[in-house]
Amino acid sequence: LLMLYEHFEAEVLEQTYFDKCDIIRKVKIEDEKTGITKFEDTVIYEDIKCSLSAKESTRETLQGEVPSIVILNKLFLHPRYKVELGDTINITLFNGKKDIYTASKPFCYPSHIEIPIVLKERA
């Protein structure tokens, strides 16, 4: 009964997610002709519902400098998705704004996954 409730809770929580994302992973591919192995970006999940949370925090410095403000980003997903450390996450917010992030170690709960993410620098 508890597992049924947790599954239901995850489904209900997912209904509150208004952003979308694609999860891209570097997958080892072997070229059959040359035998050379390389890594290629592979879309693992596409257009899945998510929620991006951004929170400002101050970062203290050891040398007594002025503390800097950093943005701590977290992504929330349904626990059916398996995200790995280092995955690239393309996020489209509900307002159409798009950004690219790198996944840190996910924290899995019965109702959702929380993934600390870092904004990728623009080239």
C-alpha atoms as a PDB file:
ATOM      1  CA  LEU A   1       0.000   0.000   0.000  1.00  0.00           C
ATOM      2  CA  LEU A   2       2.881   2.377   0.812  1.00  0.00           C
ATOM      3  CA  MET A   3       4.455   1.842  -2.620  1.00  0.00           C
ATOM      4  CA  LEU A   4       1.121   2.581  -4.273  1.00  0.00           C
ATOM      5  CA  TYR A   5       0.848   5.806  -2.276  1.00  0.00           C
ATOM      6  CA  GLU A   6       4.434   6.819  -3.178  1.00  0.00           C
ATOM      7  CA  HIS A   7       3.740   6.174  -6.871  1.00  0.00           C
ATOM      8  CA  PHE A   8       0.539   8.231  -6.621  1.00  0.00           C
ATOM      9  CA  GLU A   9       2.427  11.029  -4.839  1.00  0.00           C
ATOM     10  CA  ALA A  10       5.047  11.096  -7.636  1.00  0.00           C
ATOM     11  CA  GLU A  11       2.307  11.297 -10.289  1.00  0.00           C
ATOM     12  CA  VAL A  12       0.536  14.146  -8.470  1.00  0.00           C
ATOM     13  CA  LEU A  13       3.779  16.046  -7.885  1.00  0.00           C
ATOM     14  CA  GLU A  14       4.690  15.726 -11.562  1.00  0.00           C
ATOM     15  CA  GLN A  15       1.478  17.590 -12.423  1.00  0.00           C
ATOM     16  CA  THR A  16       3.011  20.684 -10.776  1.00  0.00           C
ATOM     17  CA  TYR A  17       6.026  20.666 -13.146  1.00  0.00           C
ATOM     18  CA  PHE A  18       5.658  23.245 -15.930  1.00  0.00           C
ATOM     19  CA  ASP A  19       9.183  23.173 -17.399  1.00  0.00           C
ATOM     20  CA  LYS A  20      10.530  20.591 -19.880  1.00  0.00           C
ATOM     21  CA  CYS A  21      13.952  19.033 -20.334  1.00  0.00           C
ATOM     22  CA  ASP A  22      16.060  16.691 -22.421  1.00  0.00           C
ATOM     23  CA  ILE A  23      18.648  14.441 -20.758  1.00  0.00           C
ATOM     24  CA  ILE A  24      21.769  13.810 -22.851  1.00  0.00           C
ATOM     25  CA  ARG A  25      24.478  11.323 -21.898  1.00  0.00           C
ATOM     26  CA  LYS A  26      27.889  10.533 -23.359  1.00  0.00           C
ATOM     27  CA  VAL A  27      27.591   6.907 -24.487  1.00  0.00           C
ATOM     28  CA  LYS A  28      30.517   4.730 -25.533  1.00  0.00           C
ATOM     29  CA  ILE A  29      30.146   3.755 -29.209  1.00  0.00           C
ATOM     30  CA  GLU A  30      32.464   1.398 -31.069  1.00  0.00           C
ATOM     31  CA  ASP A  31      32.967   1.966 -34.793  1.00  0.00           C
ATOM     32  CA  GLU A  32      32.458  -1.496 -36.324  1.00  0.00           C
ATOM     33  CA  LYS A  33      34.794  -0.793 -39.255  1.00  0.00           C
ATOM     34  CA  THR A  34      37.744   0.702 -37.366  1.00  0.00           C
ATOM     35  CA  GLY A  35      37.201  -0.816 -33.912  1.00  0.00           C
ATOM     36  CA  ILE A  36      37.797   2.614 -32.397  1.00  0.00           C
ATOM     37  CA  THR A  37      35.673   3.452 -29.382  1.00  0.00           C
ATOM     38  CA  LYS A  38      34.463   7.012 -28.900  1.00  0.00           C
ATOM     39  CA  PHE A  39      31.883   8.811 -26.820  1.00  0.00           C
ATOM     40  CA  GLU A  40      28.826  10.329 -28.488  1.00  0.00           C
ATOM     41  CA  ASP A  41      26.095  12.520 -27.035  1.00  0.00           C
ATOM     42  CA  THR A  42      22.926  10.430 -26.931  1.00  0.00           C
ATOM     43  CA  VAL A  43      19.476  11.703 -25.990  1.00  0.00           C
ATOM     44  CA  ILE A  44      18.280   9.473 -23.154  1.00  0.00           C
ATOM     45  CA  TYR A  45      14.983  11.275 -22.417  1.00  0.00           C
ATOM     46  CA  GLU A  46      13.296  13.983 -24.450  1.00  0.00           C
ATOM     47  CA  ASP A  47      10.702  16.622 -23.570  1.00  0.00           C
ATOM     48  CA  ILE A  48      10.045  15.370 -20.030  1.00  0.00           C
ATOM     49  CA  LYS A  49       8.220  17.385 -17.396  1.00  0.00           C
ATOM     50  CA  CYS A  50      10.449  18.946 -14.760  1.00  0.00           C
ATOM     51  CA  SER A  51      10.728  21.876 -12.395  1.00  0.00           C
ATOM     52  CA  LEU A  52      13.775  24.142 -12.103  1.00  0.00           C
ATOM     53  CA  SER A  53      14.418  25.791  -8.742  1.00  0.00           C
ATOM     54  CA  ALA A  54      16.964  28.596  -8.392  1.00  0.00           C
ATOM     55  CA  LYS A  55      17.942  29.947  -4.985  1.00  0.00           C
ATOM     56  CA  GLU A  56      20.407  32.724  -4.201  1.00  0.00           C
ATOM     57  CA  SER A  57      23.030  32.034  -1.557  1.00  0.00           C
ATOM     58  CA  THR A  58      26.079  33.878  -0.298  1.00  0.00           C
ATOM     59  CA  ARG A  59      29.455  32.194  -0.468  1.00  0.00           C
ATOM     60  CA  GLU A  60      31.875  33.102   2.301  1.00  0.00           C
ATOM     61  CA  THR A  61      35.539  33.591   1.456  1.00  0.00           C
ATOM     62  CA  LEU A  62      38.526  32.580   3.573  1.00  0.00           C
ATOM     63  CA  GLN A  63      40.555  35.735   2.929  1.00  0.00           C
ATOM     64  CA  GLY A  64      37.944  38.114   4.341  1.00  0.00           C
ATOM     65  CA  GLU A  65      36.875  39.334   0.919  1.00  0.00           C
ATOM     66  CA  VAL A  66      33.343  40.457   0.191  1.00  0.00           C
ATOM     67  CA  PRO A  67      31.090  37.374   0.051  1.00  0.00           C
ATOM     68  CA  SER A  68      29.845  36.532  -3.418  1.00  0.00           C
ATOM     69  CA  ILE A  69      26.298  35.630  -4.362  1.00  0.00           C
ATOM     70  CA  VAL A  70      25.855  32.304  -6.100  1.00  0.00           C
ATOM     71  CA  ILE A  71      22.774  30.723  -7.598  1.00  0.00           C
ATOM     72  CA  LEU A  72      22.049  27.179  -6.430  1.00  0.00           C
ATOM     73  CA  ASN A  73      20.034  25.374  -9.101  1.00  0.00           C
ATOM     74  CA  LYS A  74      18.061  22.172  -8.560  1.00  0.00           C
ATOM     75  CA  LEU A  75      16.009  20.174 -10.988  1.00  0.00           C
ATOM     76  CA  PHE A  76      13.029  18.110  -9.866  1.00  0.00           C
ATOM     77  CA  LEU A  77      11.871  15.068 -11.868  1.00  0.00           C
ATOM     78  CA  HIS A  78       9.610  12.049 -11.515  1.00  0.00           C
ATOM     79  CA  PRO A  79      11.598   9.098 -10.054  1.00  0.00           C
ATOM     80  CA  ARG A  80      10.945   6.973 -13.174  1.00  0.00           C
ATOM     81  CA  TYR A  81      13.850   8.817 -14.849  1.00  0.00           C
ATOM     82  CA  LYS A  82      17.444   7.762 -14.238  1.00  0.00           C
ATOM     83  CA  VAL A  83      19.856  10.692 -14.379  1.00  0.00           C
ATOM     84  CA  GLU A  84      23.601  10.233 -13.936  1.00  0.00           C
ATOM     85  CA  LEU A  85      26.351  12.494 -12.676  1.00  0.00           C
ATOM     86  CA  GLY A  86      27.699  14.483 -15.643  1.00  0.00           C
ATOM     87  CA  ASP A  87      24.601  14.189 -17.840  1.00  0.00           C
ATOM     88  CA  THR A  88      23.817  17.284 -19.903  1.00  0.00           C
ATOM     89  CA  ILE A  89      20.329  18.670 -19.276  1.00  0.00           C
ATOM     90  CA  ASN A  90      18.718  21.053 -21.751  1.00  0.00           C
ATOM     91  CA  ILE A  91      15.940  22.876 -19.902  1.00  0.00           C
ATOM     92  CA  THR A  92      13.131  24.906 -21.443  1.00  0.00           C
ATOM     93  CA  LEU A  93      11.288  26.952 -18.848  1.00  0.00           C
ATOM     94  CA  PHE A  94       7.525  27.492 -18.961  1.00  0.00           C
ATOM     95  CA  ASN A  95       8.220  30.984 -20.405  1.00  0.00           C
ATOM     96  CA  GLY A  96      10.332  29.637 -23.302  1.00  0.00           C
ATOM     97  CA  LYS A  97      13.763  30.539 -21.842  1.00  0.00           C
ATOM     98  CA  LYS A  98      16.341  27.821 -22.567  1.00  0.00           C
ATOM     99  CA  ASP A  99      19.565  26.928 -20.755  1.00  0.00           C
ATOM    100  CA  ILE A 100      22.001  24.032 -20.635  1.00  0.00           C
ATOM    101  CA  TYR A 101      23.128  22.481 -17.352  1.00  0.00           C
ATOM    102  CA  THR A 102      25.360  19.672 -16.099  1.00  0.00           C
ATOM    103  CA  ALA A 103      23.934  17.223 -13.562  1.00  0.00           C
ATOM    104  CA  SER A 104      25.565  16.694 -10.188  1.00  0.00           C
ATOM    105  CA  LYS A 105      24.809  13.594  -8.099  1.00  0.00           C
ATOM    106  CA  PRO A 106      21.015  13.025  -8.021  1.00  0.00           C
ATOM    107  CA  PHE A 107      19.162  12.452  -4.753  1.00  0.00           C
ATOM    108  CA  CYS A 108      16.329   9.957  -5.191  1.00  0.00           C
ATOM    109  CA  TYR A 109      13.166   9.970  -3.128  1.00  0.00           C
ATOM    110  CA  PRO A 110       9.995   7.889  -3.601  1.00  0.00           C
ATOM    111  CA  SER A 111       8.090  10.987  -4.755  1.00  0.00           C
ATOM    112  CA  HIS A 112      10.737  12.743  -6.881  1.00  0.00           C
ATOM    113  CA  ILE A 113      14.397  13.130  -7.810  1.00  0.00           C
ATOM    114  CA  GLU A 114      16.345  16.247  -6.809  1.00  0.00           C
ATOM    115  CA  ILE A 115      19.351  16.985  -8.990  1.00  0.00           C
ATOM    116  CA  PRO A 116      21.777  19.791  -8.167  1.00  0.00           C
ATOM    117  CA  ILE A 117      22.713  21.280 -11.551  1.00  0.00           C
ATOM    118  CA  VAL A 118      25.362  23.703 -12.771  1.00  0.00           C
ATOM    119  CA  LEU A 119      24.746  26.149 -15.616  1.00  0.00           C
ATOM    120  CA  LYS A 120      27.102  25.472 -18.521  1.00  0.00           C
ATOM    121  CA  GLU A 121      29.105  28.469 -19.647  1.00  0.00           C
ATOM    122  CA  ARG A 122      28.277  29.768 -23.103  1.00  0.00           C
ATOM    123  CA  ALA A 123      31.011  29.189 -25.679  1.00  0.00           C
END
